[in-house]
Amino acid sequence: MKKLIIILLTITVSILIYNYNKKSDIIIPDTAIRLRVIPNSNSSLDQKMKLKVKEYLENDTYILLKDKNSIDEARKTIKKSIPSIEENIDRIFNENNYDMNYKVEYGYNYFPEKEYREIKYPEGYYESIVISIGKAEGDNWWCVLFPNLCLIDLENKNNTEYKTWIGEEINKLF
């Protein structure tokens, strides 16, 4: 009987610790600037082009913003770089014989509910760059430009994700 109580107590404490640690994950601050690419559709060609634009943006915006320490600096840099972003999207489309219109919008744009690192963020209007390709009806890619939460991996080149056995078991239960 004592073993059962110790096991149940250990599991309960583990669940409490796990839930506490989960709540302390990275939270996107209210002053964040997001980036979103919405492809024309979910066709393989449209998704392929979304990924090409995404890859360009990951590298280019990372380089542009990696040394920016304030949101005002980031805003100025983003606004100045929009013509360059458009030129590079034009180049990507031309190189791939992809004849599709697009628009780049910077400001407060609508985002549906999103999940980042297992944390859900509510739908709403967020300061962002949104690149809408064609009808913009496909599955999108999004990231946080500033602070640089999801592009930072380009510098670290480390995709290691640490998991615990107990955490995995608790996730299975819930």
Protein backbone atom coordinates (compact mmCIF):
# COMPACT_ATOMS: atom_id res chain seq x y z
CA MET A 1 0.00 0.00 0.00
CA LYS A 2 2.86 2.40 0.84
CA LYS A 3 4.44 1.75 -2.57
CA LEU A 4 1.18 2.65 -4.32
CA ILE A 5 0.88 5.90 -2.35
CA ILE A 6 4.51 6.80 -3.13
CA ILE A 7 3.99 6.07 -6.82
CA LEU A 8 0.79 8.16 -6.95
CA LEU A 9 2.45 10.98 -5.05
CA THR A 10 5.45 10.88 -7.40
CA ILE A 11 3.17 11.00 -10.46
CA THR A 12 1.15 13.88 -8.99
CA VAL A 13 4.27 15.92 -8.21
CA SER A 14 5.67 15.15 -11.67
CA ILE A 15 2.47 16.37 -13.32
CA LEU A 16 2.54 19.58 -11.29
CA ILE A 17 6.20 20.22 -12.14
CA TYR A 18 5.59 19.42 -15.81
CA ASN A 19 2.61 21.80 -16.02
CA TYR A 20 4.54 24.56 -14.26
CA ASN A 21 7.48 24.20 -16.66
CA LYS A 22 5.15 24.11 -19.66
CA LYS A 23 3.61 27.43 -18.59
CA SER A 24 7.06 29.03 -18.42
CA ASP A 25 7.77 28.29 -22.09
CA ILE A 26 8.49 31.13 -24.50
CA ILE A 27 5.58 33.54 -24.71
CA ILE A 28 5.28 35.85 -27.70
CA PRO A 29 5.35 39.37 -26.23
CA ASP A 30 2.70 41.93 -27.13
CA THR A 31 5.42 44.01 -28.80
CA ALA A 32 6.32 41.23 -31.22
CA ILE A 33 6.39 41.64 -34.98
CA ARG A 34 5.26 38.55 -36.85
CA LEU A 35 5.90 37.29 -40.37
CA ARG A 36 3.45 35.21 -42.39
CA VAL A 37 3.49 33.75 -45.90
CA ILE A 38 0.14 32.58 -47.28
CA PRO A 39 0.36 30.61 -50.54
CA ASN A 40 -2.19 30.66 -53.32
CA SER A 41 -3.44 27.15 -52.49
CA ASN A 42 -2.36 23.80 -51.10
CA SER A 43 -1.22 22.51 -54.49
CA SER A 44 2.30 21.14 -54.45
CA LEU A 45 3.53 23.95 -56.71
CA ASP A 46 2.00 26.69 -54.54
CA GLN A 47 3.35 25.09 -51.35
CA LYS A 48 6.79 24.70 -52.96
CA MET A 49 6.82 28.40 -53.82
CA LYS A 50 5.71 29.29 -50.29
CA LEU A 51 8.71 27.34 -48.99
CA LYS A 52 11.08 29.11 -51.37
CA VAL A 53 9.79 32.51 -50.19
CA LYS A 54 9.99 31.29 -46.57
CA GLU A 55 13.62 30.18 -46.99
CA TYR A 56 14.58 33.53 -48.48
CA LEU A 57 12.77 35.41 -45.72
CA GLU A 58 14.28 33.33 -42.94
CA ASN A 59 17.79 34.13 -44.09
CA ASP A 60 17.24 37.73 -45.16
CA THR A 61 15.15 38.91 -42.23
CA TYR A 62 17.39 37.12 -39.78
CA ILE A 63 20.40 39.02 -41.12
CA LEU A 64 18.45 42.31 -41.16
CA LEU A 65 17.16 42.04 -37.61
CA LYS A 66 19.72 39.98 -35.70
CA ASP A 67 21.41 43.03 -34.15
CA LYS A 68 18.28 45.09 -33.55
CA ASN A 69 17.60 45.64 -29.86
CA SER A 70 14.43 47.70 -29.93
CA ILE A 71 11.11 47.38 -31.65
CA ASP A 72 11.53 50.88 -33.12
CA GLU A 73 14.81 49.84 -34.78
CA ALA A 74 13.12 46.68 -36.09
CA ARG A 75 10.16 48.65 -37.48
CA LYS A 76 12.41 51.11 -39.32
CA THR A 77 14.50 48.29 -40.78
CA ILE A 78 11.44 46.33 -41.89
CA LYS A 79 9.81 49.35 -43.53
CA LYS A 80 13.02 50.19 -45.42
CA SER A 81 13.44 46.58 -46.57
CA ILE A 82 9.97 46.03 -48.09
CA PRO A 83 11.07 47.07 -51.62
CA SER A 84 13.99 44.63 -51.35
CA ILE A 85 11.65 41.87 -50.15
CA GLU A 86 9.40 42.50 -53.17
CA GLU A 87 12.36 42.45 -55.56
CA ASN A 88 13.54 39.14 -54.15
CA ILE A 89 10.08 37.58 -54.34
CA ASP A 90 9.91 38.74 -57.98
CA ARG A 91 13.30 37.10 -58.58
CA ILE A 92 12.22 33.84 -56.91
CA PHE A 93 9.02 33.72 -58.96
CA ASN A 94 10.87 34.51 -62.21
CA GLU A 95 13.56 31.89 -61.58
CA ASN A 96 10.85 29.30 -61.04
CA ASN A 97 8.55 30.41 -63.90
CA TYR A 98 5.83 31.03 -61.34
CA ASP A 99 3.37 33.55 -62.72
CA MET A 100 1.42 34.61 -59.65
CA ASN A 101 0.61 37.98 -58.16
CA TYR A 102 1.36 38.69 -54.51
CA LYS A 103 1.25 41.53 -52.04
CA VAL A 104 3.41 42.43 -49.08
CA GLU A 105 1.56 44.16 -46.27
CA TYR A 106 3.15 45.64 -43.18
CA GLY A 107 0.93 46.77 -40.33
CA TYR A 108 -1.70 45.16 -38.16
CA ASN A 109 -2.83 42.03 -39.95
CA TYR A 110 -5.26 39.31 -38.93
CA PHE A 111 -3.87 36.01 -37.63
CA PRO A 112 -6.03 33.02 -36.83
CA GLU A 113 -5.25 31.11 -33.63
CA LYS A 114 -1.65 29.90 -33.88
CA GLU A 115 0.53 27.46 -31.99
CA TYR A 116 4.23 27.94 -31.36
CA ARG A 117 6.26 25.52 -29.24
CA GLU A 118 3.07 23.91 -27.96
CA ILE A 119 1.62 27.22 -26.77
CA LYS A 120 -1.58 28.52 -28.36
CA TYR A 121 -1.85 32.18 -29.22
CA PRO A 122 -5.27 33.73 -29.76
CA GLU A 123 -6.53 35.01 -33.05
CA GLY A 124 -6.37 38.72 -33.56
CA TYR A 125 -4.66 41.57 -35.31
CA TYR A 126 -0.89 41.67 -34.82
CA GLU A 127 1.88 43.90 -36.08
CA SER A 128 3.32 41.89 -38.92
CA ILE A 129 4.48 41.48 -42.47
CA VAL A 130 2.04 39.31 -44.40
CA ILE A 131 2.89 38.07 -47.86
CA SER A 132 -0.24 36.91 -49.64
CA ILE A 133 0.35 34.95 -52.83
CA GLY A 134 -2.47 34.73 -55.38
CA LYS A 135 -5.78 33.88 -53.68
CA ALA A 136 -3.94 33.28 -50.37
CA GLU A 137 -6.02 30.18 -49.58
CA GLY A 138 -3.27 27.67 -48.76
CA ASP A 139 -1.72 26.52 -45.51
CA ASN A 140 0.58 29.27 -44.33
CA TRP A 141 3.93 29.53 -42.61
CA TRP A 142 4.49 32.04 -39.85
CA CYS A 143 7.24 33.16 -37.56
CA VAL A 144 8.09 35.84 -35.01
CA LEU A 145 10.48 38.38 -36.54
CA PHE A 146 11.03 40.51 -33.48
CA PRO A 147 12.04 39.48 -30.96
CA ASN A 148 13.63 36.87 -33.13
CA LEU A 149 12.04 33.78 -31.54
CA CYS A 150 11.84 31.27 -34.37
CA LEU A 151 14.54 32.52 -36.70
CA ILE A 152 17.20 32.32 -34.01
CA ASP A 153 17.76 28.64 -34.89
CA LEU A 154 19.53 29.79 -38.05
CA GLU A 155 22.36 31.06 -35.87
CA ASN A 156 22.44 28.06 -33.56
CA LYS A 157 21.90 25.44 -36.29
CA ASN A 158 20.63 23.26 -33.48
CA ASN A 159 17.30 21.50 -33.87
CA THR A 160 17.71 19.48 -30.69
CA GLU A 161 14.52 19.15 -28.72
CA TYR A 162 14.75 17.73 -25.24
CA LYS A 163 11.95 15.57 -23.99
CA THR A 164 11.43 13.53 -20.88
CA TRP A 165 9.82 10.15 -20.67
CA ILE A 166 7.43 11.31 -17.95
CA GLY A 167 6.48 14.35 -20.03
CA GLU A 168 5.72 12.15 -23.03
CA GLU A 169 3.59 9.84 -20.87
CA ILE A 170 1.69 12.77 -19.39
CA ASN A 171 1.03 14.15 -22.90
CA LYS A 172 -0.41 10.77 -23.89
CA LEU A 173 -2.81 10.95 -20.95
CA PHE A 174 -4.06 14.41 -21.84
